[in-house]
Amino acid sequence: MTVRMNIDCNGCYQRIRRALLQMQEDLESHLIDRKQQRVSVCGAFVPQDVAIKLRKKTNRRVEIMEIKEVDAGDGHRP
């Protein structure tokens, strides 16, 4: 899932990072892109729930940009 958030300063970045690390049991990995002001999150979770948690913990507007579903297959195509 990719979300757009305002990342204006180091404090904003740290607040978002801390919130993501607190949700580590739900998330496999995350990537915070300061220049594009985007946060990418990977894992097995409900996207709306993660967006709501981020909003509450950071007190910042969260806009869901893209949600990609990954198949739980063995990685081989037929």
PDB file of N, CA and C in Angstrom:
ATOM      1  N   MET A   1       0.849  -1.171   0.000  1.00  0.00           N
ATOM      2  CA  MET A   1       0.000   0.000   0.000  1.00  0.00           C
ATOM      3  C   MET A   1       0.896   1.237   0.000  1.00  0.00           C
ATOM      4  N   THR A   2       0.493   2.234  -0.739  1.00  0.00           N
ATOM      5  CA  THR A   2       1.215   3.498  -0.774  1.00  0.00           C
ATOM      6  C   THR A   2       0.270   4.610  -0.325  1.00  0.00           C
ATOM      7  N   VAL A   3       0.744   5.430   0.616  1.00  0.00           N
ATOM      8  CA  VAL A   3      -0.052   6.559   1.090  1.00  0.00           C
ATOM      9  C   VAL A   3       0.746   7.841   0.933  1.00  0.00           C
ATOM     10  N   ARG A   4       0.043   8.950   0.810  1.00  0.00           N
ATOM     11  CA  ARG A   4       0.687  10.259   0.735  1.00  0.00           C
ATOM     12  C   ARG A   4       0.477  10.955   2.069  1.00  0.00           C
ATOM     13  N   MET A   5       1.573  11.484   2.625  1.00  0.00           N
ATOM     14  CA  MET A   5       1.527  12.227   3.881  1.00  0.00           C
ATOM     15  C   MET A   5       2.473  13.413   3.767  1.00  0.00           C
ATOM     16  N   ASN A   6       2.174  14.481   4.463  1.00  0.00           N
ATOM     17  CA  ASN A   6       3.081  15.622   4.503  1.00  0.00           C
ATOM     18  C   ASN A   6       4.263  15.290   5.403  1.00  0.00           C
ATOM     19  N   ILE A   7       5.462  15.325   4.824  1.00  0.00           N
ATOM     20  CA  ILE A   7       6.696  15.101   5.579  1.00  0.00           C
ATOM     21  C   ILE A   7       7.510  16.370   5.424  1.00  0.00           C
ATOM     22  N   ASP A   8       7.240  17.345   6.300  1.00  0.00           N
ATOM     23  CA  ASP A   8       7.832  18.673   6.161  1.00  0.00           C
ATOM     24  C   ASP A   8       9.232  18.779   6.760  1.00  0.00           C
ATOM     25  N   CYS A   9       9.474  18.077   7.851  1.00  0.00           N
ATOM     26  CA  CYS A   9      10.737  18.261   8.567  1.00  0.00           C
ATOM     27  C   CYS A   9      11.181  16.932   9.176  1.00  0.00           C
ATOM     28  N   ASN A  10      12.320  16.964   9.871  1.00  0.00           N
ATOM     29  CA  ASN A  10      12.834  15.770  10.529  1.00  0.00           C
ATOM     30  C   ASN A  10      11.881  15.258  11.593  1.00  0.00           C
ATOM     31  N   GLY A  11      11.225  16.160  12.300  1.00  0.00           N
ATOM     32  CA  GLY A  11      10.281  15.765  13.340  1.00  0.00           C
ATOM     33  C   GLY A  11       9.112  14.995  12.761  1.00  0.00           C
ATOM     34  N   CYS A  12       8.605  15.447  11.606  1.00  0.00           N
ATOM     35  CA  CYS A  12       7.506  14.753  10.929  1.00  0.00           C
ATOM     36  C   CYS A  12       7.943  13.356  10.508  1.00  0.00           C
ATOM     37  N   TYR A  13       9.147  13.271   9.948  1.00  0.00           N
ATOM     38  CA  TYR A  13       9.690  11.987   9.515  1.00  0.00           C
ATOM     39  C   TYR A  13       9.801  11.027  10.692  1.00  0.00           C
ATOM     40  N   GLN A  14      10.351  11.513  11.807  1.00  0.00           N
ATOM     41  CA  GLN A  14      10.528  10.672  12.989  1.00  0.00           C
ATOM     42  C   GLN A  14       9.190  10.217  13.567  1.00  0.00           C
ATOM     43  N   ARG A  15       8.201  11.093  13.557  1.00  0.00           N
ATOM     44  CA  ARG A  15       6.872  10.757  14.082  1.00  0.00           C
ATOM     45  C   ARG A  15       6.240   9.632  13.253  1.00  0.00           C
ATOM     46  N   ILE A  16       6.351   9.727  11.932  1.00  0.00           N
ATOM     47  CA  ILE A  16       5.808   8.698  11.044  1.00  0.00           C
ATOM     48  C   ILE A  16       6.565   7.388  11.231  1.00  0.00           C
ATOM     49  N   ARG A  17       7.888   7.472  11.305  1.00  0.00           N
ATOM     50  CA  ARG A  17       8.719   6.283  11.489  1.00  0.00           C
ATOM     51  C   ARG A  17       8.380   5.574  12.798  1.00  0.00           C
ATOM     52  N   ARG A  18       8.231   6.350  13.871  1.00  0.00           N
ATOM     53  CA  ARG A  18       7.896   5.781  15.176  1.00  0.00           C
ATOM     54  C   ARG A  18       6.534   5.080  15.145  1.00  0.00           C
ATOM     55  N   ALA A  19       5.566   5.705  14.489  1.00  0.00           N
ATOM     56  CA  ALA A  19       4.228   5.112  14.386  1.00  0.00           C
ATOM     57  C   ALA A  19       4.283   3.795  13.614  1.00  0.00           C
ATOM     58  N   LEU A  20       5.067   3.751  12.531  1.00  0.00           N
ATOM     59  CA  LEU A  20       5.190   2.522  11.750  1.00  0.00           C
ATOM     60  C   LEU A  20       5.891   1.427  12.543  1.00  0.00           C
ATOM     61  N   LEU A  21       6.899   1.781  13.310  1.00  0.00           N
ATOM     62  CA  LEU A  21       7.611   0.786  14.113  1.00  0.00           C
ATOM     63  C   LEU A  21       6.735   0.237  15.228  1.00  0.00           C
ATOM     64  N   GLN A  22       5.814   1.028  15.741  1.00  0.00           N
ATOM     65  CA  GLN A  22       4.886   0.555  16.769  1.00  0.00           C
ATOM     66  C   GLN A  22       3.886  -0.441  16.196  1.00  0.00           C
ATOM     67  N   MET A  23       3.611  -0.361  14.903  1.00  0.00           N
ATOM     68  CA  MET A  23       2.682  -1.276  14.244  1.00  0.00           C
ATOM     69  C   MET A  23       3.419  -2.462  13.622  1.00  0.00           C
ATOM     70  N   GLN A  24       4.617  -2.756  14.056  1.00  0.00           N
ATOM     71  CA  GLN A  24       5.480  -3.747  13.428  1.00  0.00           C
ATOM     72  C   GLN A  24       4.850  -5.144  13.366  1.00  0.00           C
ATOM     73  N   GLU A  25       3.960  -5.495  14.317  1.00  0.00           N
ATOM     74  CA  GLU A  25       3.362  -6.836  14.286  1.00  0.00           C
ATOM     75  C   GLU A  25       2.466  -7.023  13.068  1.00  0.00           C
ATOM     76  N   ASP A  26       1.882  -5.957  12.535  1.00  0.00           N
ATOM     77  CA  ASP A  26       1.018  -6.043  11.358  1.00  0.00           C
ATOM     78  C   ASP A  26       1.795  -5.906  10.055  1.00  0.00           C
ATOM     79  N   LEU A  27       2.921  -5.215  10.092  1.00  0.00           N
ATOM     80  CA  LEU A  27       3.638  -4.849   8.875  1.00  0.00           C
ATOM     81  C   LEU A  27       4.891  -5.688   8.690  1.00  0.00           C
ATOM     82  N   GLU A  28       5.196  -6.008   7.437  1.00  0.00           N
ATOM     83  CA  GLU A  28       6.438  -6.713   7.132  1.00  0.00           C
ATOM     84  C   GLU A  28       7.578  -5.718   6.925  1.00  0.00           C
ATOM     85  N   SER A  29       7.301  -4.661   6.162  1.00  0.00           N
ATOM     86  CA  SER A  29       8.328  -3.659   5.888  1.00  0.00           C
ATOM     87  C   SER A  29       7.667  -2.339   5.523  1.00  0.00           C
ATOM     88  N   HIS A  30       8.480  -1.273   5.567  1.00  0.00           N
ATOM     89  CA  HIS A  30       7.975   0.036   5.173  1.00  0.00           C
ATOM     90  C   HIS A  30       9.105   0.847   4.552  1.00  0.00           C
ATOM     91  N   LEU A  31       8.718   1.849   3.766  1.00  0.00           N
ATOM     92  CA  LEU A  31       9.667   2.738   3.119  1.00  0.00           C
ATOM     93  C   LEU A  31       9.083   4.141   3.154  1.00  0.00           C
ATOM     94  N   ILE A  32       9.844   5.081   3.683  1.00  0.00           N
ATOM     95  CA  ILE A  32       9.394   6.470   3.760  1.00  0.00           C
ATOM     96  C   ILE A  32      10.203   7.274   2.745  1.00  0.00           C
ATOM     97  N   ASP A  33       9.520   7.842   1.760  1.00  0.00           N
ATOM     98  CA  ASP A  33      10.156   8.637   0.709  1.00  0.00           C
ATOM     99  C   ASP A  33       9.864  10.106   0.978  1.00  0.00           C
ATOM    100  N   ARG A  34      10.858  10.822   1.473  1.00  0.00           N
ATOM    101  CA  ARG A  34      10.665  12.231   1.852  1.00  0.00           C
ATOM    102  C   ARG A  34      10.380  13.132   0.659  1.00  0.00           C
ATOM    103  N   LYS A  35      11.132  12.953  -0.416  1.00  0.00           N
ATOM    104  CA  LYS A  35      11.004  13.851  -1.566  1.00  0.00           C
ATOM    105  C   LYS A  35       9.634  13.739  -2.216  1.00  0.00           C
ATOM    106  N   GLN A  36       9.130  12.518  -2.363  1.00  0.00           N
ATOM    107  CA  GLN A  36       7.828  12.299  -2.977  1.00  0.00           C
ATOM    108  C   GLN A  36       6.695  12.426  -1.963  1.00  0.00           C
ATOM    109  N   GLN A  37       7.033  12.513  -0.683  1.00  0.00           N
ATOM    110  CA  GLN A  37       6.079  12.581   0.428  1.00  0.00           C
ATOM    111  C   GLN A  37       5.133  11.387   0.396  1.00  0.00           C
ATOM    112  N   ARG A  38       5.733  10.204   0.254  1.00  0.00           N
ATOM    113  CA  ARG A  38       4.977   8.962   0.201  1.00  0.00           C
ATOM    114  C   ARG A  38       5.521   7.970   1.205  1.00  0.00           C
ATOM    115  N   VAL A  39       4.634   7.133   1.709  1.00  0.00           N
ATOM    116  CA  VAL A  39       5.004   6.057   2.624  1.00  0.00           C
ATOM    117  C   VAL A  39       4.478   4.765   2.026  1.00  0.00           C
ATOM    118  N   SER A  40       5.372   3.792   1.803  1.00  0.00           N
ATOM    119  CA  SER A  40       4.979   2.493   1.272  1.00  0.00           C
ATOM    120  C   SER A  40       5.060   1.468   2.397  1.00  0.00           C
ATOM    121  N   VAL A  41       4.019   0.640   2.503  1.00  0.00           N
ATOM    122  CA  VAL A  41       3.927  -0.339   3.580  1.00  0.00           C
ATOM    123  C   VAL A  41       3.610  -1.697   2.969  1.00  0.00           C
ATOM    124  N   CYS A  42       4.305  -2.747   3.431  1.00  0.00           N
ATOM    125  CA  CYS A  42       4.063  -4.101   2.947  1.00  0.00           C
ATOM    126  C   CYS A  42       3.679  -4.996   4.116  1.00  0.00           C
ATOM    127  N   GLY A  43       2.794  -5.948   3.853  1.00  0.00           N
ATOM    128  CA  GLY A  43       2.403  -6.897   4.881  1.00  0.00           C
ATOM    129  C   GLY A  43       0.970  -7.340   4.701  1.00  0.00           C
ATOM    130  N   ALA A  44       0.536  -8.220   5.616  1.00  0.00           N
ATOM    131  CA  ALA A  44      -0.843  -8.710   5.599  1.00  0.00           C
ATOM    132  C   ALA A  44      -1.656  -7.878   6.579  1.00  0.00           C
ATOM    133  N   PHE A  45      -2.438  -6.938   6.059  1.00  0.00           N
ATOM    134  CA  PHE A  45      -3.201  -6.028   6.901  1.00  0.00           C
ATOM    135  C   PHE A  45      -4.380  -5.475   6.118  1.00  0.00           C
ATOM    136  N   VAL A  46      -5.296  -4.831   6.823  1.00  0.00           N
ATOM    137  CA  VAL A  46      -6.410  -4.137   6.189  1.00  0.00           C
ATOM    138  C   VAL A  46      -5.947  -2.700   5.947  1.00  0.00           C
ATOM    139  N   PRO A  47      -5.863  -2.252   4.693  1.00  0.00           N
ATOM    140  CA  PRO A  47      -5.305  -0.928   4.378  1.00  0.00           C
ATOM    141  C   PRO A  47      -5.974   0.227   5.114  1.00  0.00           C
ATOM    142  N   GLN A  48      -7.298   0.189   5.229  1.00  0.00           N
ATOM    143  CA  GLN A  48      -7.992   1.285   5.907  1.00  0.00           C
ATOM    144  C   GLN A  48      -7.614   1.345   7.389  1.00  0.00           C
ATOM    145  N   ASP A  49      -7.432   0.181   8.012  1.00  0.00           N
ATOM    146  CA  ASP A  49      -7.065   0.151   9.429  1.00  0.00           C
ATOM    147  C   ASP A  49      -5.686   0.770   9.655  1.00  0.00           C
ATOM    148  N   VAL A  50      -4.733   0.449   8.774  1.00  0.00           N
ATOM    149  CA  VAL A  50      -3.382   1.010   8.899  1.00  0.00           C
ATOM    150  C   VAL A  50      -3.417   2.517   8.670  1.00  0.00           C
ATOM    151  N   ALA A  51      -4.194   2.968   7.696  1.00  0.00           N
ATOM    152  CA  ALA A  51      -4.310   4.407   7.426  1.00  0.00           C
ATOM    153  C   ALA A  51      -4.913   5.136   8.630  1.00  0.00           C
ATOM    154  N   ILE A  52      -5.918   4.542   9.261  1.00  0.00           N
ATOM    155  CA  ILE A  52      -6.544   5.155  10.438  1.00  0.00           C
ATOM    156  C   ILE A  52      -5.563   5.209  11.602  1.00  0.00           C
ATOM    157  N   LYS A  53      -4.810   4.133  11.816  1.00  0.00           N
ATOM    158  CA  LYS A  53      -3.817   4.115  12.899  1.00  0.00           C
ATOM    159  C   LYS A  53      -2.742   5.177  12.669  1.00  0.00           C
ATOM    160  N   LEU A  54      -2.275   5.288  11.410  1.00  0.00           N
ATOM    161  CA  LEU A  54      -1.271   6.312  11.089  1.00  0.00           C
ATOM    162  C   LEU A  54      -1.822   7.709  11.353  1.00  0.00           C
ATOM    163  N   ARG A  55      -3.058   7.929  10.975  1.00  0.00           N
ATOM    164  CA  ARG A  55      -3.695   9.242  11.175  1.00  0.00           C
ATOM    165  C   ARG A  55      -3.768   9.581  12.654  1.00  0.00           C
ATOM    166  N   LYS A  56      -4.177   8.618  13.471  1.00  0.00           N
ATOM    167  CA  LYS A  56      -4.317   8.863  14.907  1.00  0.00           C
ATOM    168  C   LYS A  56      -2.973   9.081  15.591  1.00  0.00           C
ATOM    169  N   LYS A  57      -1.972   8.283  15.205  1.00  0.00           N
ATOM    170  CA  LYS A  57      -0.682   8.354  15.883  1.00  0.00           C
ATOM    171  C   LYS A  57       0.157   9.558  15.461  1.00  0.00           C
ATOM    172  N   THR A  58      -0.005  10.018  14.213  1.00  0.00           N
ATOM    173  CA  THR A  58       0.834  11.113  13.728  1.00  0.00           C
ATOM    174  C   THR A  58       0.108  12.448  13.686  1.00  0.00           C
ATOM    175  N   ASN A  59      -1.210  12.419  13.779  1.00  0.00           N
ATOM    176  CA  ASN A  59      -2.024  13.634  13.682  1.00  0.00           C
ATOM    177  C   ASN A  59      -1.782  14.350  12.350  1.00  0.00           C
ATOM    178  N   ARG A  60      -1.645  13.553  11.286  1.00  0.00           N
ATOM    179  CA  ARG A  60      -1.413  14.073   9.943  1.00  0.00           C
ATOM    180  C   ARG A  60      -2.421  13.471   8.984  1.00  0.00           C
ATOM    181  N   ARG A  61      -2.715  14.204   7.915  1.00  0.00           N
ATOM    182  CA  ARG A  61      -3.630  13.716   6.892  1.00  0.00           C
ATOM    183  C   ARG A  61      -2.979  12.563   6.138  1.00  0.00           C
ATOM    184  N   VAL A  62      -3.729  11.479   5.938  1.00  0.00           N
ATOM    185  CA  VAL A  62      -3.233  10.298   5.238  1.00  0.00           C
ATOM    186  C   VAL A  62      -4.133  10.051   4.031  1.00  0.00           C
ATOM    187  N   GLU A  63      -3.538  10.036   2.853  1.00  0.00           N
ATOM    188  CA  GLU A  63      -4.286   9.804   1.621  1.00  0.00           C
ATOM    189  C   GLU A  63      -3.783   8.512   0.972  1.00  0.00           C
ATOM    190  N   ILE A  64      -4.659   7.514   0.857  1.00  0.00           N
ATOM    191  CA  ILE A  64      -4.271   6.242   0.246  1.00  0.00           C
ATOM    192  C   ILE A  64      -4.143   6.450  -1.259  1.00  0.00           C
ATOM    193  N   MET A  65      -2.958   6.183  -1.785  1.00  0.00           N
ATOM    194  CA  MET A  65      -2.685   6.379  -3.206  1.00  0.00           C
ATOM    195  C   MET A  65      -2.912   5.094  -4.003  1.00  0.00           C
ATOM    196  N   GLU A  66      -2.388   3.983  -3.482  1.00  0.00           N
ATOM    197  CA  GLU A  66      -2.405   2.740  -4.248  1.00  0.00           C
ATOM    198  C   GLU A  66      -2.407   1.556  -3.290  1.00  0.00           C
ATOM    199  N   ILE A  67      -3.204   0.554  -3.641  1.00  0.00           N
ATOM    200  CA  ILE A  67      -3.237  -0.688  -2.866  1.00  0.00           C
ATOM    201  C   ILE A  67      -2.975  -1.826  -3.843  1.00  0.00           C
ATOM    202  N   LYS A  68      -1.930  -2.600  -3.571  1.00  0.00           N
ATOM    203  CA  LYS A  68      -1.608  -3.747  -4.420  1.00  0.00           C
ATOM    204  C   LYS A  68      -1.820  -5.013  -3.611  1.00  0.00           C
ATOM    205  N   GLU A  69      -2.564  -5.937  -4.200  1.00  0.00           N
ATOM    206  CA  GLU A  69      -2.780  -7.238  -3.572  1.00  0.00           C
ATOM    207  C   GLU A  69      -1.748  -8.196  -4.154  1.00  0.00           C
ATOM    208  N   VAL A  70      -1.094  -8.955  -3.281  1.00  0.00           N
ATOM    209  CA  VAL A  70      -0.091  -9.920  -3.719  1.00  0.00           C
ATOM    210  C   VAL A  70      -0.644 -11.311  -3.472  1.00  0.00           C
ATOM    211  N   ASP A  71      -0.550 -12.166  -4.489  1.00  0.00           N
ATOM    212  CA  ASP A  71      -1.017 -13.544  -4.335  1.00  0.00           C
ATOM    213  C   ASP A  71      -0.108 -14.301  -3.376  1.00  0.00           C
ATOM    214  N   ALA A  72      -0.677 -15.217  -2.619  1.00  0.00           N
ATOM    215  CA  ALA A  72       0.087 -16.012  -1.664  1.00  0.00           C
ATOM    216  C   ALA A  72       0.559 -17.311  -2.312  1.00  0.00           C
ATOM    217  N   GLY A  73       0.772 -17.324  -3.607  1.00  0.00           N
ATOM    218  CA  GLY A  73       1.195 -18.519  -4.334  1.00  0.00           C
ATOM    219  C   GLY A  73       2.675 -18.826  -4.106  1.00  0.00           C
ATOM    220  N   ASP A  74       3.190 -19.767  -4.894  1.00  0.00           N
ATOM    221  CA  ASP A  74       4.580 -20.161  -4.740  1.00  0.00           C
ATOM    222  C   ASP A  74       5.532 -19.304  -5.574  1.00  0.00           C
ATOM    223  N   GLY A  75       5.015 -18.305  -6.265  1.00  0.00           N
ATOM    224  CA  GLY A  75       5.865 -17.407  -7.021  1.00  0.00           C
ATOM    225  C   GLY A  75       6.085 -17.810  -8.458  1.00  0.00           C
ATOM    226  N   HIS A  76       5.573 -18.975  -8.869  1.00  0.00           N
ATOM    227  CA  HIS A  76       5.726 -19.427 -10.248  1.00  0.00           C
ATOM    228  C   HIS A  76       4.446 -19.205 -11.020  1.00  0.00           C
ATOM    229  N   ARG A  77       4.614 -18.724 -12.240  1.00  0.00           N
ATOM    230  CA  ARG A  77       3.438 -18.507 -13.089  1.00  0.00           C
ATOM    231  C   ARG A  77       3.206 -19.769 -13.925  1.00  0.00           C
ATOM    232  N   PRO A  78       1.946 -20.067 -14.226  1.00  0.00           N
ATOM    233  CA  PRO A  78       1.659 -21.265 -15.034  1.00  0.00           C
ATOM    234  C   PRO A  78       2.106 -21.114 -16.464  1.00  0.00           C
TER     235      PRO A  78
END
